[in-house]
Protein backbone atom coordinates (compact mmCIF):
# COMPACT_ATOMS: atom_id res chain seq x y z
CA MET A 1 39.54 116.95 156.84
CA ARG A 2 41.66 119.10 154.54
CA LEU A 3 45.06 117.86 155.78
CA PRO A 4 45.62 115.25 152.84
CA LEU A 5 45.05 117.92 150.09
CA THR A 6 47.11 120.49 151.99
CA LEU A 7 49.92 118.17 152.45
CA SER A 8 49.53 117.26 148.71
CA LEU A 9 50.05 121.08 147.91
CA ILE A 10 52.97 121.34 150.10
CA THR A 11 54.46 118.13 148.68
CA ALA A 12 54.11 119.63 145.13
CA ALA A 13 55.71 122.95 146.21
CA LEU A 14 58.60 121.40 148.05
CA ALA A 15 59.25 119.19 144.85
CA LEU A 16 59.28 122.11 142.59
CA VAL A 17 61.83 124.02 144.86
CA SER A 18 63.94 121.00 145.69
CA ALA A 19 63.99 119.18 142.35
CA PRO A 20 67.72 118.04 142.85
CA ALA A 21 66.73 115.85 146.08
CA PHE A 22 64.00 114.31 144.02
CA SER A 23 65.99 113.97 140.63
CA ALA A 24 66.42 110.20 140.95
CA SER A 25 63.03 109.22 139.45
CA ASP A 26 61.60 106.57 137.31
CA ASP A 27 61.52 108.72 134.19
CA GLY A 28 64.83 107.42 132.70
CA GLY A 29 66.67 110.63 133.71
CA LYS A 30 64.39 113.12 131.70
CA HIS A 31 63.53 115.22 134.77
CA ARG A 32 67.16 115.33 135.66
CA GLY A 33 68.01 116.35 132.17
CA ALA A 34 65.20 119.13 132.20
CA HIS A 35 66.31 120.49 135.57
CA HIS A 36 69.99 120.53 134.36
CA GLN A 37 69.00 122.45 131.33
CA LYS A 38 67.18 125.08 133.13
CA ALA A 39 69.87 125.48 135.59
CA LEU A 40 72.37 125.92 132.60
CA GLU A 41 70.06 128.63 131.02
CA LYS A 42 69.65 130.59 134.49
CA PHE A 43 73.24 129.93 135.81
CA ASP A 44 75.93 129.52 133.17
CA ALA A 45 77.33 133.05 133.40
CA ASN A 46 80.09 132.59 130.83
CA LYS A 47 77.97 130.55 128.49
CA ASP A 48 80.36 127.69 128.04
CA GLY A 49 77.50 124.86 128.14
CA LYS A 50 78.56 123.83 131.80
CA LEU A 51 78.41 125.08 135.28
CA ASP A 52 81.79 125.82 136.95
CA GLU A 53 82.12 125.70 140.57
CA SER A 54 81.13 129.26 141.15
CA GLU A 55 78.13 128.95 138.85
CA ARG A 56 77.09 125.47 140.74
CA ALA A 57 77.48 127.55 144.15
CA ALA A 58 75.37 130.19 142.84
CA ALA A 59 72.57 127.62 141.67
CA LYS A 60 72.67 125.90 145.15
CA THR A 61 72.29 129.07 147.01
CA ALA A 62 69.34 130.27 144.72
CA CYS A 63 67.75 126.87 145.13
CA GLN A 64 68.23 126.84 149.14
CA ALA A 65 66.72 130.43 149.51
CA ARG A 66 63.70 129.58 147.12
CA HIS A 67 63.16 126.41 149.06
CA ALA A 68 63.55 128.18 152.41
CA GLU A 69 60.88 130.95 151.42
CA LYS A 70 58.51 128.20 150.09
CA GLU A 71 58.79 126.04 153.22
CA ALA A 72 58.34 129.29 155.64
CA ALA A 73 55.05 130.24 153.69
CA LEU A 74 53.76 126.70 153.74
CA LYS A 75 54.40 126.25 157.45
CA ALA A 76 52.63 129.62 158.08
CA LYS A 77 49.75 128.85 156.04
CA HIS A 78 49.27 125.26 156.82
CA PRO A 79 50.84 124.71 160.32
CA GLU A 80 48.67 121.52 161.25
CA ALA A 81 49.23 119.51 158.00
CA PHE A 82 52.94 120.69 158.11
CA ALA A 83 53.29 119.26 162.03
CA ALA A 84 51.50 116.25 161.06
CA ALA A 85 53.84 115.28 158.39
CA ASP A 86 57.00 116.42 160.29
CA THR A 87 57.46 113.37 162.40
CA SER A 88 60.96 114.12 163.08
CA GLY A 89 59.83 117.41 164.74
CA ASP A 90 62.81 119.28 162.94
CA GLY A 91 60.67 121.85 161.28
CA HIS A 92 61.54 120.55 157.73
CA LEU A 93 59.93 118.09 155.62
CA GLN A 94 62.12 115.20 154.52
CA ARG A 95 61.23 113.07 151.58
CA ASP A 96 60.88 110.17 153.75
CA GLU A 97 58.39 111.83 155.95
CA VAL A 98 56.29 113.21 152.95
CA LYS A 99 56.41 109.69 151.38
CA ALA A 100 55.18 108.14 154.65
CA TYR A 101 52.40 110.60 154.91
CA ARG A 102 51.20 110.15 151.49
CA GLN A 103 51.25 106.36 151.60
CA ALA A 104 49.25 106.69 155.09
CA HIS A 105 46.62 108.73 153.41
CA GLU A 106 46.47 107.49 150.03
CA GLY A 107 42.98 105.84 150.27
CA GLU A 108 41.61 108.81 151.82
CA ARG A 109 42.73 111.17 149.09
CA GLU A 110 41.35 108.79 146.46
CA ALA A 111 37.99 108.33 148.57
CA LYS A 112 37.53 112.25 148.41
CA LEU A 113 38.29 112.29 145.08
CA LYS A 114 35.90 109.86 144.08
CA ALA A 115 33.37 111.39 146.08
CA LYS A 116 33.53 115.21 145.10
CA HIS A 117 34.49 114.31 141.28
CA PRO A 118 33.28 111.09 140.16
CA GLU A 119 33.55 111.99 136.65
CA VAL A 120 37.32 112.91 137.04
CA PHE A 121 37.94 109.91 139.09
CA ALA A 122 36.46 107.79 136.26
CA LYS A 123 38.48 109.46 133.66
CA ILE A 124 41.81 108.87 135.73
CA ASP A 125 40.78 105.21 136.63
CA LYS A 126 41.94 103.73 133.16
CA ASP A 127 41.12 100.17 134.00
CA GLY A 128 37.82 100.88 135.66
CA ASP A 129 38.84 98.80 138.93
CA GLY A 130 37.80 101.61 141.23
CA HIS A 131 41.02 102.17 142.57
CA LEU A 132 43.91 104.47 141.22
CA SER A 133 47.07 102.55 140.51
CA LYS A 134 50.61 104.38 140.62
CA ASP A 135 50.70 104.56 136.82
CA GLU A 136 47.08 106.04 136.73
CA ARG A 137 48.13 108.69 139.33
CA THR A 138 51.31 109.33 137.48
CA SER A 139 49.33 109.72 134.23
CA ALA A 140 46.92 112.05 135.72
CA ARG A 141 49.76 114.36 137.34
CA ALA A 142 51.55 114.67 134.01
CA ALA A 143 48.32 115.54 132.10
CA HIS A 144 47.22 118.07 134.67
CA LYS A 145 50.73 119.57 134.59
CA ALA A 146 50.62 119.68 130.71
CA HIS A 147 47.23 121.42 131.07
CA LYS A 148 48.35 124.14 133.52
CA LYS A 149 51.30 124.77 131.12
CA ASP A 150 48.88 125.29 128.21
CA LYS A 151 47.21 128.11 129.97
C-alpha cells in the first residue's frame, strides 16, 4: 500500500507551503527566523527591514495562493490518501489530522523502510535498537534536506 508514503509527501508539501502554521517547532525558533528572513527578502518592498501591514498582507495572500495550488494538486494526484487523512471531511488537511495519521502509520512506514532499504535504515538507526526514535527521524530528515539542497 502506497498510502503512508503518499501521505508523507503530502505532509512535506503542505509543510513547505504553510510554514507559518508550523513555526512553533522544537528548533528554538530557528525555523521561524529563517522563514521571516525569506519573507523579508521577498515582500519588503520599501526595503526598511520589516514588513508593514500591506507587505504582510501581500505575503499572506501569496502564501495562501501557493498553499491552495499545492493542496489542489495533491488532492488530484493522491485522492485516496488525502481522503484517509482528512478525518473532518472538510477537504483540507489540518495539522492535527496529519499528525494523527502519521502517528497511526509510523510503524508501517518504518517497517517498509527497513524491508526495502535495510542499509539506509541501519544508517539512520544510530543506536542500533531496530526502531527509529523521533531524534533519529529528525536527523535523517535534516540530512536528506541538506543533501537535496547541495544538488
